[in-house]
Amino acid sequence: MSQIKTHVKKGDQVQIIAGNNKGKRGLVLSVNAAKGQVIVEGGRPLKKAVKRSEKEPDGGIKTIDGPIHISNVKKLA
């Protein structure tokens, strides 16, 4: 199993250069090189319905960070 090389890694500061969230800056939370996706803190907020459970006693609608294609982010120095 070979590793896929990417220009960003977890913890890097990046700027979104394409899409609806163009211009936003944030920290890379995770990289999925096989799918070519990164998750940027505050980069692409999504609403997700969460069922009530022990972990989430209130349930309801939560805001999570969604994935962005790796070609749509630029690493900042």
C-alpha atoms as a PDB file:
ATOM      1  CA  MET A   1       0.000   0.000   0.000  1.00  0.00           C
ATOM      2  CA  SER A   2       1.649   3.228  -1.146  1.00  0.00           C
ATOM      3  CA  GLN A   3       0.977   6.652   0.285  1.00  0.00           C
ATOM      4  CA  ILE A   4      -0.482   9.430  -1.847  1.00  0.00           C
ATOM      5  CA  LYS A   5       1.479  12.688  -1.687  1.00  0.00           C
ATOM      6  CA  THR A   6      -0.436  15.873  -0.865  1.00  0.00           C
ATOM      7  CA  HIS A   7       0.626  19.514  -0.615  1.00  0.00           C
ATOM      8  CA  VAL A   8      -1.115  20.015   2.743  1.00  0.00           C
ATOM      9  CA  LYS A   9      -1.117  18.076   5.991  1.00  0.00           C
ATOM     10  CA  LYS A  10      -2.960  18.164   9.289  1.00  0.00           C
ATOM     11  CA  GLY A  11      -2.238  21.364  11.202  1.00  0.00           C
ATOM     12  CA  ASP A  12      -1.353  23.513   8.155  1.00  0.00           C
ATOM     13  CA  GLN A  13      -2.866  26.976   7.697  1.00  0.00           C
ATOM     14  CA  VAL A  14      -4.739  27.112   4.346  1.00  0.00           C
ATOM     15  CA  GLN A  15      -6.953  29.416   2.300  1.00  0.00           C
ATOM     16  CA  ILE A  16      -9.892  28.228   0.194  1.00  0.00           C
ATOM     17  CA  ILE A  17      -9.356  29.374  -3.408  1.00  0.00           C
ATOM     18  CA  ALA A  18     -12.521  28.083  -5.123  1.00  0.00           C
ATOM     19  CA  GLY A  19     -16.203  27.469  -4.457  1.00  0.00           C
ATOM     20  CA  ASN A  20     -18.824  29.190  -2.306  1.00  0.00           C
ATOM     21  CA  ASN A  21     -16.423  29.605   0.610  1.00  0.00           C
ATOM     22  CA  LYS A  22     -13.671  31.251  -1.439  1.00  0.00           C
ATOM     23  CA  GLY A  23     -11.286  33.385   0.611  1.00  0.00           C
ATOM     24  CA  LYS A  24     -11.897  31.706   3.976  1.00  0.00           C
ATOM     25  CA  ARG A  25      -8.816  30.742   5.968  1.00  0.00           C
ATOM     26  CA  GLY A  26      -8.434  28.036   8.561  1.00  0.00           C
ATOM     27  CA  LEU A  27      -6.519  25.130  10.011  1.00  0.00           C
ATOM     28  CA  VAL A  28      -6.556  21.699   8.367  1.00  0.00           C
ATOM     29  CA  LEU A  29      -8.263  19.253  10.756  1.00  0.00           C
ATOM     30  CA  SER A  30      -7.862  16.122   8.607  1.00  0.00           C
ATOM     31  CA  VAL A  31      -6.672  14.960   5.182  1.00  0.00           C
ATOM     32  CA  ASN A  32      -8.148  12.053   3.203  1.00  0.00           C
ATOM     33  CA  ALA A  33      -5.581  11.620   0.417  1.00  0.00           C
ATOM     34  CA  ALA A  34      -7.345   8.609  -1.130  1.00  0.00           C
ATOM     35  CA  LYS A  35     -10.501  10.666  -1.754  1.00  0.00           C
ATOM     36  CA  GLY A  36      -8.595  13.920  -2.319  1.00  0.00           C
ATOM     37  CA  GLN A  37     -10.423  15.755   0.467  1.00  0.00           C
ATOM     38  CA  VAL A  38      -9.446  17.989   3.378  1.00  0.00           C
ATOM     39  CA  ILE A  39     -11.506  19.288   6.282  1.00  0.00           C
ATOM     40  CA  VAL A  40     -10.754  22.926   7.134  1.00  0.00           C
ATOM     41  CA  GLU A  41     -11.807  24.433  10.450  1.00  0.00           C
ATOM     42  CA  GLY A  42     -14.729  26.750   9.673  1.00  0.00           C
ATOM     43  CA  GLY A  43     -14.190  26.255   5.942  1.00  0.00           C
ATOM     44  CA  ARG A  44     -17.431  24.604   4.872  1.00  0.00           C
ATOM     45  CA  PRO A  45     -20.020  24.502   7.666  1.00  0.00           C
ATOM     46  CA  LEU A  46     -22.765  21.891   7.285  1.00  0.00           C
ATOM     47  CA  LYS A  47     -25.892  21.293   9.367  1.00  0.00           C
ATOM     48  CA  LYS A  48     -26.338  17.714  10.576  1.00  0.00           C
ATOM     49  CA  ALA A  49     -29.292  16.202  12.389  1.00  0.00           C
ATOM     50  CA  VAL A  50     -28.133  14.299  15.491  1.00  0.00           C
ATOM     51  CA  LYS A  51     -30.318  11.710  17.190  1.00  0.00           C
ATOM     52  CA  ARG A  52     -30.611  11.697  20.978  1.00  0.00           C
ATOM     53  CA  SER A  53     -28.145   9.294  22.628  1.00  0.00           C
ATOM     54  CA  GLU A  54     -25.913   8.973  25.683  1.00  0.00           C
ATOM     55  CA  LYS A  55     -23.157  10.817  23.837  1.00  0.00           C
ATOM     56  CA  GLU A  56     -25.523  13.575  22.616  1.00  0.00           C
ATOM     57  CA  PRO A  57     -28.330  13.798  25.226  1.00  0.00           C
ATOM     58  CA  ASP A  58     -29.934  16.864  23.634  1.00  0.00           C
ATOM     59  CA  GLY A  59     -29.804  15.739  20.006  1.00  0.00           C
ATOM     60  CA  GLY A  60     -30.984  18.334  17.493  1.00  0.00           C
ATOM     61  CA  ILE A  61     -29.112  20.061  14.699  1.00  0.00           C
ATOM     62  CA  LYS A  62     -25.316  20.435  14.964  1.00  0.00           C
ATOM     63  CA  THR A  63     -22.911  22.389  12.763  1.00  0.00           C
ATOM     64  CA  ILE A  64     -19.955  20.358  11.488  1.00  0.00           C
ATOM     65  CA  ASP A  65     -17.083  21.102   9.099  1.00  0.00           C
ATOM     66  CA  GLY A  66     -17.540  19.484   5.678  1.00  0.00           C
ATOM     67  CA  PRO A  67     -14.865  18.228   3.274  1.00  0.00           C
ATOM     68  CA  ILE A  68     -13.335  20.336   0.498  1.00  0.00           C
ATOM     69  CA  HIS A  69     -11.463  18.995  -2.537  1.00  0.00           C
ATOM     70  CA  ILE A  70      -7.723  19.234  -1.984  1.00  0.00           C
ATOM     71  CA  SER A  71      -7.218  21.184  -5.211  1.00  0.00           C
ATOM     72  CA  ASN A  72      -9.423  24.002  -3.865  1.00  0.00           C
ATOM     73  CA  VAL A  73      -7.105  24.906  -0.966  1.00  0.00           C
ATOM     74  CA  LYS A  74      -3.806  26.804  -0.962  1.00  0.00           C
ATOM     75  CA  LYS A  75      -1.206  26.372   1.770  1.00  0.00           C
ATOM     76  CA  LEU A  76      -0.221  29.628   3.482  1.00  0.00           C
ATOM     77  CA  ALA A  77       3.363  30.264   4.528  1.00  0.00           C
END
